[in-house]
Amino acid sequence: MKKKVKSSSLALAAAILLILPAQAQNNDHAASAWSQKESEAESSFISGAYSDAEAKWKEAIDAAQKDANKLNLAETLNQMTHLYLKQRRLEEARSSLQAALAIREKELGKNNPKTAETLGNLALVEHKSGHDADAERLYKEVIEIKRKDANPNSLAITLTNLANLYGEMRRIEDARKLYLEALEIDQKTFGKDHKEVAQDLFNLGAIMYHHNYNKEAIEYLDRALVVYEKLNDAPGKIKSLHYLGLCHAEEKSHGKAIDAYRKALTLHSQLKGDKHPDTLVHQLNLARTLDNNGQAKEAEDLYKDAVGTATKYHTDARVKLVECTIEYAHFLKRHGRNADAENQLKEVLPVYESLSAHHRRELYELPRVYADLLRELKKDAEADALAKKHLDVFSAQHVSKAPPAANTQAAPKSQALPKSPPARKK
């Protein structure tokens, strides 16, 4: 009887020995499959092939779920949120990050850099969702973890993201303090002539401009431009010149604004082509400032060219045509050419009416300016009908209230660049 028991035990032990290598092989195979799909997904995402990236990430998730190492699953769940953020799929991003965070906290602990990475991305989702208090709390948690870590660049990224949030909340001094700390870290880490340092200086300049500290903004933007020029970074030079033009225009230094806008326009034309939609933004900025400087003939030529370009080359980008026409109509009104302005607005109105409700809300300036102009022309009945017709875009099913009255003498400060510096994501 004892022999039988011993024989059974040996058989069971042998079976276990046979099973364990097989399990290890399966885990190795799953990990290899996961690594390949994760790499392919990230490459597709970087190249802009978002549908392919999503498919590959889902395959990576399937492979990771077969692996005993759950950290691979957390990695994919974390990385996939960059796609969700890009496509404004915020609920999916939040769900994915919460799952990744649960895994990383369990496997690595709450103070691990990988856990902080996921927590920082979750903060960014709350930030983009407009949940400012939640975003601030999460950013602060990440910063507390990262201050204990040996990677100062990672800390600089989160400091910048929280500074962006404070800028949107109009907590200007809190934002500036964090941007300056990020700048100090990046200067120590990379040296003074690095792209990250230029971005920090640009962030400071942009937020100073958006809160009407134009002179301080110019100082930071000039420094950013110097670094971008040393690096021969065309996009960096363009955005710095764009904001320098805005600042100088606000300060009524039209000559300096014109110089900055001309350089930005030339560089962007070289980079993207003179028919590119964003090139038109620089062209309109230059036209407006030339007009303010008494150079109406050149300004009108630029306005006409912008409207013509938007009509001819951007028939699929109707938003740009409406924007250009609004600008030109403002110019015509400033010069007392109300009949010409009316013709421009009348011609583009059907294009405006064909836009989505979202874009019609964004460009509501057009029917408002048109209605005001009709009243100046003593066409009150037409003005009232126009105003009544287009107010539906602010009905309860769309938004809660209409925007404040627009200044018909000046276009928005910036048309293509965001109102706060772009967040640094990691």
Protein backbone atom coordinates (compact mmCIF):
# COMPACT_ATOMS: atom_id res chain seq x y z
CA MET A 1 0.00 0.00 0.00
CA LYS A 2 2.82 2.35 0.87
CA LYS A 3 4.49 1.58 -2.47
CA LYS A 4 1.34 2.57 -4.31
CA VAL A 5 1.14 5.89 -2.48
CA LYS A 6 4.79 6.57 -3.19
CA SER A 7 4.35 5.69 -6.85
CA SER A 8 1.33 8.00 -7.13
CA SER A 9 3.24 10.83 -5.49
CA LEU A 10 6.12 10.41 -7.90
CA ALA A 11 3.73 10.38 -10.83
CA LEU A 12 2.04 13.56 -9.61
CA ALA A 13 5.39 15.27 -9.09
CA ALA A 14 6.45 14.30 -12.61
CA ALA A 15 3.21 15.67 -13.99
CA ILE A 16 3.76 18.97 -12.19
CA LEU A 17 7.30 19.16 -13.55
CA LEU A 18 5.93 18.62 -17.03
CA ILE A 19 3.17 21.21 -16.63
CA LEU A 20 5.32 24.01 -15.20
CA PRO A 21 7.66 24.33 -18.21
CA ALA A 22 4.61 24.31 -20.48
CA GLN A 23 3.04 27.16 -18.48
CA ALA A 24 6.29 29.10 -18.62
CA GLN A 25 6.44 28.62 -22.39
CA ASN A 26 2.86 29.83 -22.73
CA ASN A 27 3.65 32.91 -20.64
CA ASP A 28 6.77 33.61 -22.70
CA HIS A 29 4.77 33.27 -25.91
CA ALA A 30 2.03 35.58 -24.62
CA ALA A 31 4.60 38.16 -23.49
CA SER A 32 6.34 38.04 -26.88
CA ALA A 33 3.03 38.43 -28.72
CA TRP A 34 2.09 41.33 -26.44
CA SER A 35 5.43 43.09 -26.97
CA GLN A 36 5.11 42.85 -30.75
CA LYS A 37 1.53 44.15 -30.85
CA GLU A 38 2.31 46.95 -28.37
CA SER A 39 5.25 48.09 -30.50
CA GLU A 40 3.19 47.96 -33.70
CA ALA A 41 0.36 49.92 -32.06
CA GLU A 42 2.66 52.69 -30.87
CA SER A 43 4.29 52.94 -34.31
CA SER A 44 0.87 53.20 -35.98
CA PHE A 45 -0.24 55.86 -33.52
CA ILE A 46 2.88 57.97 -34.07
CA SER A 47 2.40 57.76 -37.85
CA GLY A 48 -1.25 58.89 -37.53
CA ALA A 49 -2.82 55.54 -38.48
CA TYR A 50 -5.24 55.67 -35.56
CA SER A 51 -7.64 52.89 -36.63
CA ASP A 52 -4.75 50.50 -37.11
CA ALA A 53 -3.25 51.58 -33.78
CA GLU A 54 -6.50 50.86 -31.96
CA ALA A 55 -6.79 47.42 -33.55
CA LYS A 56 -3.21 46.55 -32.60
CA TRP A 57 -3.69 47.78 -29.03
CA LYS A 58 -6.77 45.58 -28.67
CA GLU A 59 -4.72 42.63 -29.88
CA ALA A 60 -2.04 43.57 -27.34
CA ILE A 61 -4.69 43.57 -24.60
CA ASP A 62 -5.83 40.07 -25.65
CA ALA A 63 -2.24 38.82 -25.52
CA ALA A 64 -1.54 40.52 -22.17
CA GLN A 65 -4.62 38.95 -20.58
CA LYS A 66 -3.13 35.49 -21.28
CA ASP A 67 0.07 36.43 -19.46
CA ALA A 68 0.56 36.03 -15.72
CA ASN A 69 2.41 39.36 -15.71
CA LYS A 70 -0.44 41.85 -15.42
CA LEU A 71 1.93 44.80 -15.76
CA ASN A 72 1.95 44.30 -19.52
CA LEU A 73 -1.82 44.75 -19.54
CA ALA A 74 -1.44 47.92 -17.45
CA GLU A 75 1.15 49.25 -19.92
CA THR A 76 -1.20 48.85 -22.88
CA LEU A 77 -4.19 50.28 -21.01
CA ASN A 78 -2.04 53.28 -20.11
CA GLN A 79 -0.60 53.82 -23.59
CA MET A 80 -3.92 53.36 -25.38
CA THR A 81 -5.32 56.42 -23.61
CA HIS A 82 -3.16 58.66 -25.79
CA LEU A 83 -5.36 57.56 -28.70
CA TYR A 84 -8.52 58.16 -26.67
CA LEU A 85 -7.30 61.64 -25.71
CA LYS A 86 -6.44 62.44 -29.31
CA GLN A 87 -9.97 61.50 -30.35
CA ARG A 88 -11.63 63.13 -27.32
CA ARG A 89 -12.95 59.76 -26.12
CA LEU A 90 -12.60 60.83 -22.52
CA GLU A 91 -14.85 58.25 -20.85
CA GLU A 92 -12.95 55.40 -22.49
CA ALA A 93 -9.65 57.02 -21.51
CA ARG A 94 -10.79 57.35 -17.90
CA SER A 95 -11.97 53.72 -17.72
CA SER A 96 -8.76 52.41 -19.26
CA LEU A 97 -6.55 54.43 -16.93
CA GLN A 98 -8.49 53.44 -13.82
CA ALA A 99 -7.95 49.77 -14.73
CA ALA A 100 -4.24 50.38 -15.35
CA LEU A 101 -3.92 52.30 -12.09
CA ALA A 102 -5.51 49.47 -10.09
CA ILE A 103 -2.98 46.99 -11.52
CA ARG A 104 0.05 49.21 -10.99
CA GLU A 105 -0.91 50.17 -7.45
CA LYS A 106 -1.34 46.48 -6.56
CA GLU A 107 1.80 45.23 -8.29
CA LEU A 108 4.17 48.17 -7.81
CA GLY A 109 2.78 50.28 -4.97
CA LYS A 110 1.40 53.80 -4.90
CA ASN A 111 4.77 55.58 -4.97
CA ASN A 112 6.22 53.86 -8.03
CA PRO A 113 7.06 56.05 -11.07
CA LYS A 114 4.88 53.86 -13.31
CA THR A 115 1.94 54.34 -10.96
CA ALA A 116 2.60 58.10 -11.02
CA GLU A 117 2.65 58.00 -14.84
CA THR A 118 -0.86 56.53 -14.97
CA LEU A 119 -2.08 58.88 -12.25
CA GLY A 120 -0.72 61.82 -14.26
CA ASN A 121 -2.55 60.68 -17.39
CA LEU A 122 -5.74 60.33 -15.35
CA ALA A 123 -5.24 63.90 -14.13
CA LEU A 124 -4.93 65.00 -17.76
CA VAL A 125 -8.24 63.28 -18.60
CA GLU A 126 -9.99 65.07 -15.73
CA HIS A 127 -8.35 68.32 -16.88
CA LYS A 128 -9.67 67.88 -20.42
CA SER A 129 -13.08 66.89 -19.05
CA GLY A 130 -13.33 70.21 -17.21
CA HIS A 131 -13.14 68.59 -13.76
CA ASP A 132 -10.66 71.15 -12.45
CA ALA A 133 -10.75 70.21 -8.77
CA ASP A 134 -10.18 66.50 -9.51
CA ALA A 135 -7.42 67.32 -11.99
CA GLU A 136 -5.64 69.61 -9.52
CA ARG A 137 -5.82 67.00 -6.75
CA LEU A 138 -4.42 64.27 -9.00
CA TYR A 139 -1.65 66.48 -10.42
CA LYS A 140 -0.58 67.34 -6.87
CA GLU A 141 -0.47 63.66 -5.92
CA VAL A 142 1.74 62.94 -8.94
CA ILE A 143 4.05 65.84 -8.13
CA GLU A 144 4.44 64.62 -4.55
CA ILE A 145 5.45 61.15 -5.83
CA LYS A 146 7.78 62.54 -8.50
CA ARG A 147 9.61 64.85 -6.10
CA LYS A 148 10.94 61.68 -4.44
CA ASP A 149 12.03 60.21 -7.76
CA ALA A 150 15.40 60.59 -9.49
CA ASN A 151 13.87 61.66 -12.81
CA PRO A 152 13.50 65.48 -12.72
CA ASN A 153 12.30 65.69 -16.34
CA SER A 154 9.22 63.66 -15.48
CA LEU A 155 8.51 66.13 -12.67
CA ALA A 156 8.85 69.06 -15.09
CA ILE A 157 6.18 67.53 -17.32
CA THR A 158 3.61 67.33 -14.53
CA LEU A 159 4.51 70.80 -13.25
CA THR A 160 3.76 72.10 -16.75
CA ASN A 161 0.44 70.30 -16.95
CA LEU A 162 -0.68 71.69 -13.59
CA ALA A 163 0.51 75.14 -14.66
CA ASN A 164 -1.64 74.84 -17.79
CA LEU A 165 -4.64 74.06 -15.59
CA TYR A 166 -3.93 77.04 -13.32
CA GLY A 167 -3.68 79.26 -16.38
CA GLU A 168 -7.14 78.19 -17.49
CA MET A 169 -8.39 78.83 -13.95
CA ARG A 170 -6.83 82.33 -14.12
CA ARG A 171 -4.52 81.53 -11.20
CA ILE A 172 -1.73 83.33 -12.99
CA GLU A 173 0.84 83.52 -10.19
CA ASP A 174 0.44 79.83 -9.34
CA ALA A 175 0.89 78.98 -13.02
CA ARG A 176 3.95 81.17 -13.45
CA LYS A 177 5.61 79.67 -10.36
CA LEU A 178 5.23 76.14 -11.75
CA TYR A 179 6.36 77.10 -15.26
CA LEU A 180 9.47 78.71 -13.77
CA GLU A 181 10.24 75.58 -11.74
CA ALA A 182 9.86 73.45 -14.89
CA LEU A 183 12.18 75.86 -16.71
CA GLU A 184 14.81 75.59 -13.97
CA ILE A 185 14.64 71.77 -14.05
CA ASP A 186 14.93 71.58 -17.83
CA GLN A 187 17.84 74.02 -17.93
CA LYS A 188 19.74 71.88 -15.41
CA THR A 189 18.82 68.66 -17.18
CA PHE A 190 19.30 69.63 -20.83
CA GLY A 191 21.22 72.93 -20.89
CA LYS A 192 19.98 76.36 -21.96
CA ASP A 193 19.75 75.70 -25.70
CA HIS A 194 17.39 72.71 -25.65
CA LYS A 195 13.91 72.37 -27.15
CA GLU A 196 12.34 71.68 -23.73
CA VAL A 197 13.80 74.94 -22.41
CA ALA A 198 12.44 76.84 -25.42
CA GLN A 199 9.01 75.29 -24.80
CA ASP A 200 9.12 76.37 -21.13
CA LEU A 201 9.96 79.93 -22.16
CA PHE A 202 7.20 79.87 -24.75
CA ASN A 203 4.70 78.59 -22.16
CA LEU A 204 5.57 81.51 -19.90
CA GLY A 205 5.23 83.99 -22.75
CA ALA A 206 1.91 82.57 -23.93
CA ILE A 207 0.30 82.63 -20.51
CA MET A 208 1.52 86.16 -19.84
CA TYR A 209 -0.03 87.27 -23.13
CA HIS A 210 -3.36 85.57 -22.46
CA HIS A 211 -3.59 87.39 -19.14
CA ASN A 212 -2.62 90.75 -20.65
CA TYR A 213 0.95 90.96 -19.31
CA ASN A 214 2.25 91.77 -22.77
CA LYS A 215 5.63 93.27 -21.84
CA GLU A 216 6.57 90.29 -19.67
CA ALA A 217 5.30 87.98 -22.40
CA ILE A 218 7.56 89.64 -24.97
CA GLU A 219 10.63 89.03 -22.79
CA TYR A 220 9.95 85.30 -22.53
CA LEU A 221 8.95 84.94 -26.18
CA ASP A 222 12.10 86.72 -27.36
CA ARG A 223 14.18 84.27 -25.31
CA ALA A 224 12.22 81.31 -26.68
CA LEU A 225 12.73 82.57 -30.24
CA VAL A 226 16.50 82.80 -29.72
CA VAL A 227 16.64 79.14 -28.68
CA TYR A 228 14.36 77.98 -31.49
CA GLU A 229 16.54 79.87 -33.98
CA LYS A 230 19.68 78.16 -32.65
CA LEU A 231 17.92 74.81 -33.07
CA ASN A 232 16.54 75.79 -36.49
CA ASP A 233 13.15 74.66 -35.22
CA ALA A 234 10.67 76.10 -37.73
CA PRO A 235 7.43 75.28 -35.82
CA GLY A 236 8.93 76.76 -32.66
CA LYS A 237 9.96 79.93 -34.46
CA ILE A 238 6.52 80.28 -36.04
CA LYS A 239 4.56 80.02 -32.79
CA SER A 240 6.96 82.39 -31.01
CA LEU A 241 6.69 84.97 -33.79
CA HIS A 242 2.91 84.53 -33.85
CA TYR A 243 2.63 85.41 -30.17
CA LEU A 244 5.20 88.20 -30.43
CA GLY A 245 3.03 89.72 -33.15
CA LEU A 246 -0.03 89.47 -30.92
CA CYS A 247 1.80 91.08 -27.99
CA HIS A 248 3.25 93.95 -30.03
CA ALA A 249 -0.14 94.57 -31.65
CA GLU A 250 -1.75 94.82 -28.19
CA GLU A 251 0.96 97.30 -27.20
CA LYS A 252 0.25 99.32 -30.38
CA SER A 253 3.80 98.65 -31.58
CA HIS A 254 2.48 98.02 -35.08
CA GLY A 255 5.87 98.07 -36.79
CA LYS A 256 7.20 95.29 -34.56
CA ALA A 257 3.95 93.35 -34.89
CA ILE A 258 4.09 93.60 -38.69
CA ASP A 259 7.70 92.38 -38.68
CA ALA A 260 6.82 89.36 -36.50
CA TYR A 261 3.74 88.50 -38.55
CA ARG A 262 5.63 88.76 -41.86
CA LYS A 263 8.30 86.38 -40.59
CA ALA A 264 5.70 83.94 -39.24
CA LEU A 265 3.80 84.05 -42.54
CA THR A 266 6.96 83.44 -44.59
CA LEU A 267 8.10 80.55 -42.41
CA HIS A 268 4.68 78.91 -42.36
CA SER A 269 4.33 79.28 -46.13
CA GLN A 270 7.70 77.54 -46.53
CA LEU A 271 6.77 74.82 -44.05
CA LYS A 272 3.14 74.08 -45.02
CA GLY A 273 2.58 75.99 -48.26
CA ASP A 274 0.89 79.35 -48.91
CA LYS A 275 -2.52 77.68 -49.38
CA HIS A 276 -2.54 75.85 -46.05
CA PRO A 277 -5.45 76.80 -43.72
CA ASP A 278 -3.12 77.76 -40.86
CA THR A 279 -1.06 79.94 -43.19
CA LEU A 280 -4.20 82.02 -43.65
CA VAL A 281 -4.23 82.75 -39.91
CA HIS A 282 -0.85 84.47 -40.16
CA GLN A 283 -1.98 86.26 -43.31
CA LEU A 284 -5.09 87.64 -41.59
CA ASN A 285 -3.08 88.75 -38.56
CA LEU A 286 -0.68 90.61 -40.82
CA ALA A 287 -3.55 92.21 -42.76
CA ARG A 288 -5.25 93.43 -39.60
CA THR A 289 -2.07 95.00 -38.25
CA LEU A 290 -1.20 96.61 -41.57
CA ASP A 291 -4.65 98.20 -41.58
CA ASN A 292 -4.15 99.48 -38.03
CA ASN A 293 -0.85 100.95 -39.19
CA GLY A 294 -2.50 102.87 -42.03
CA GLN A 295 -1.45 100.48 -44.80
CA ALA A 296 -4.97 99.77 -46.00
CA LYS A 297 -4.13 98.92 -49.62
CA GLU A 298 -1.75 96.08 -48.75
CA ALA A 299 -4.14 94.94 -46.01
CA GLU A 300 -7.07 94.68 -48.42
CA ASP A 301 -4.98 92.76 -50.92
CA LEU A 302 -4.17 90.22 -48.21
CA TYR A 303 -7.82 89.97 -47.12
CA LYS A 304 -8.98 89.40 -50.70
CA ASP A 305 -6.28 86.82 -51.28
CA ALA A 306 -7.24 84.97 -48.07
CA VAL A 307 -10.93 84.85 -49.02
CA GLY A 308 -10.02 83.74 -52.55
CA THR A 309 -7.70 81.02 -51.25
CA ALA A 310 -10.31 79.76 -48.79
CA THR A 311 -12.92 79.69 -51.58
CA LYS A 312 -10.75 78.00 -54.18
CA TYR A 313 -8.59 75.62 -52.18
CA HIS A 314 -10.63 74.90 -49.08
CA THR A 315 -14.11 74.08 -50.31
CA ASP A 316 -14.09 71.16 -47.85
CA ALA A 317 -12.93 73.46 -45.04
CA ARG A 318 -15.87 75.85 -45.02
CA VAL A 319 -15.04 77.05 -41.51
CA LYS A 320 -11.92 78.77 -42.83
CA LEU A 321 -13.89 80.55 -45.57
CA VAL A 322 -16.33 81.93 -43.00
CA GLU A 323 -13.45 83.08 -40.76
CA CYS A 324 -11.70 84.86 -43.64
CA THR A 325 -14.90 86.54 -44.77
CA ILE A 326 -15.68 87.81 -41.25
CA GLU A 327 -12.21 89.37 -41.12
CA TYR A 328 -12.62 91.02 -44.50
CA ALA A 329 -16.07 92.32 -43.55
CA HIS A 330 -14.58 93.91 -40.42
CA PHE A 331 -12.01 95.64 -42.63
CA LEU A 332 -14.67 96.94 -45.00
CA LYS A 333 -16.79 98.24 -42.10
CA ARG A 334 -13.80 100.02 -40.56
CA HIS A 335 -13.37 101.86 -43.84
CA GLY A 336 -17.05 102.81 -44.16
CA ARG A 337 -17.73 100.40 -47.02
CA ASN A 338 -20.87 98.94 -45.52
CA ALA A 339 -22.46 97.93 -48.81
CA ASP A 340 -19.36 95.90 -49.75
CA ALA A 341 -19.33 94.34 -46.29
CA GLU A 342 -23.00 93.39 -46.69
CA ASN A 343 -22.28 91.69 -50.00
CA GLN A 344 -19.46 89.64 -48.48
CA LEU A 345 -21.57 88.55 -45.51
CA LYS A 346 -24.61 87.78 -47.64
CA GLU A 347 -22.53 85.63 -49.98
CA VAL A 348 -20.98 83.56 -47.19
CA LEU A 349 -24.14 83.19 -45.09
CA PRO A 350 -25.29 79.96 -46.87
CA VAL A 351 -21.86 78.47 -46.16
CA TYR A 352 -22.24 79.35 -42.48
CA GLU A 353 -25.72 77.81 -42.43
CA SER A 354 -24.34 74.54 -43.82
CA LEU A 355 -21.95 74.11 -40.88
CA SER A 356 -22.53 71.89 -37.87
CA ALA A 357 -24.19 73.37 -34.79
CA HIS A 358 -20.82 73.31 -33.02
CA HIS A 359 -19.11 75.39 -35.71
CA ARG A 360 -22.07 77.74 -36.03
CA ARG A 361 -21.79 78.47 -32.31
CA GLU A 362 -18.06 79.10 -32.69
CA LEU A 363 -18.65 81.43 -35.64
CA TYR A 364 -21.83 83.09 -34.37
CA GLU A 365 -19.99 86.36 -34.87
CA LEU A 366 -21.04 86.20 -38.53
CA PRO A 367 -24.84 86.49 -38.12
CA ARG A 368 -24.33 88.93 -35.25
CA VAL A 369 -22.09 91.23 -37.30
CA TYR A 370 -24.40 90.86 -40.28
CA ALA A 371 -27.47 91.79 -38.18
CA ASP A 372 -25.67 94.83 -36.72
CA LEU A 373 -24.69 95.94 -40.20
CA LEU A 374 -28.26 95.58 -41.48
CA ARG A 375 -29.43 97.82 -38.64
CA GLU A 376 -26.84 100.43 -39.59
CA LEU A 377 -28.23 100.23 -43.12
CA LYS A 378 -31.76 100.82 -41.73
CA LYS A 379 -32.88 97.30 -42.60
CA ASP A 380 -34.30 96.53 -39.18
CA ALA A 381 -36.81 93.88 -40.27
CA GLU A 382 -34.10 91.87 -42.05
CA ALA A 383 -31.78 92.27 -39.07
CA ASP A 384 -34.39 90.99 -36.62
CA ALA A 385 -35.26 88.03 -38.83
CA LEU A 386 -31.59 87.11 -39.21
CA ALA A 387 -30.91 87.35 -35.49
CA LYS A 388 -34.00 85.31 -34.61
CA LYS A 389 -33.21 82.63 -37.18
CA HIS A 390 -29.72 81.95 -35.92
CA LEU A 391 -30.26 82.17 -32.18
CA ASP A 392 -31.53 78.57 -32.29
CA VAL A 393 -27.92 77.43 -32.26
CA PHE A 394 -27.91 78.42 -28.56
CA SER A 395 -31.07 76.50 -27.69
CA ALA A 396 -31.12 74.36 -24.55
CA GLN A 397 -30.38 71.22 -26.52
CA HIS A 398 -27.02 72.67 -27.56
CA VAL A 399 -25.70 74.97 -24.82
CA SER A 400 -26.95 76.84 -21.78
CA LYS A 401 -26.31 80.39 -22.91
CA ALA A 402 -25.07 82.54 -25.76
CA PRO A 403 -21.58 84.05 -25.68
CA PRO A 404 -20.94 87.64 -24.67
CA ALA A 405 -21.26 90.35 -27.30
CA ALA A 406 -18.42 90.43 -29.79
CA ASN A 407 -16.28 93.44 -30.53
CA THR A 408 -16.96 94.08 -34.19
CA GLN A 409 -13.90 96.31 -34.47
CA ALA A 410 -11.37 93.58 -33.81
CA ALA A 411 -11.04 89.88 -34.45
CA PRO A 412 -10.10 87.42 -31.70
CA LYS A 413 -6.55 87.67 -30.40
CA SER A 414 -5.57 84.27 -31.73
CA GLN A 415 -7.32 82.12 -34.28
CA ALA A 416 -5.21 79.00 -34.63
CA LEU A 417 -3.30 78.57 -31.40
CA PRO A 418 -4.87 77.35 -28.16
CA LYS A 419 -5.73 79.77 -25.38
CA SER A 420 -3.33 78.00 -23.07
CA PRO A 421 -0.04 76.34 -23.92
CA PRO A 422 -0.40 72.70 -24.95
CA ALA A 423 -0.04 70.21 -22.14
CA ARG A 424 3.08 68.10 -22.02
CA LYS A 425 1.84 64.52 -21.89
CA LYS A 426 3.61 61.57 -20.40
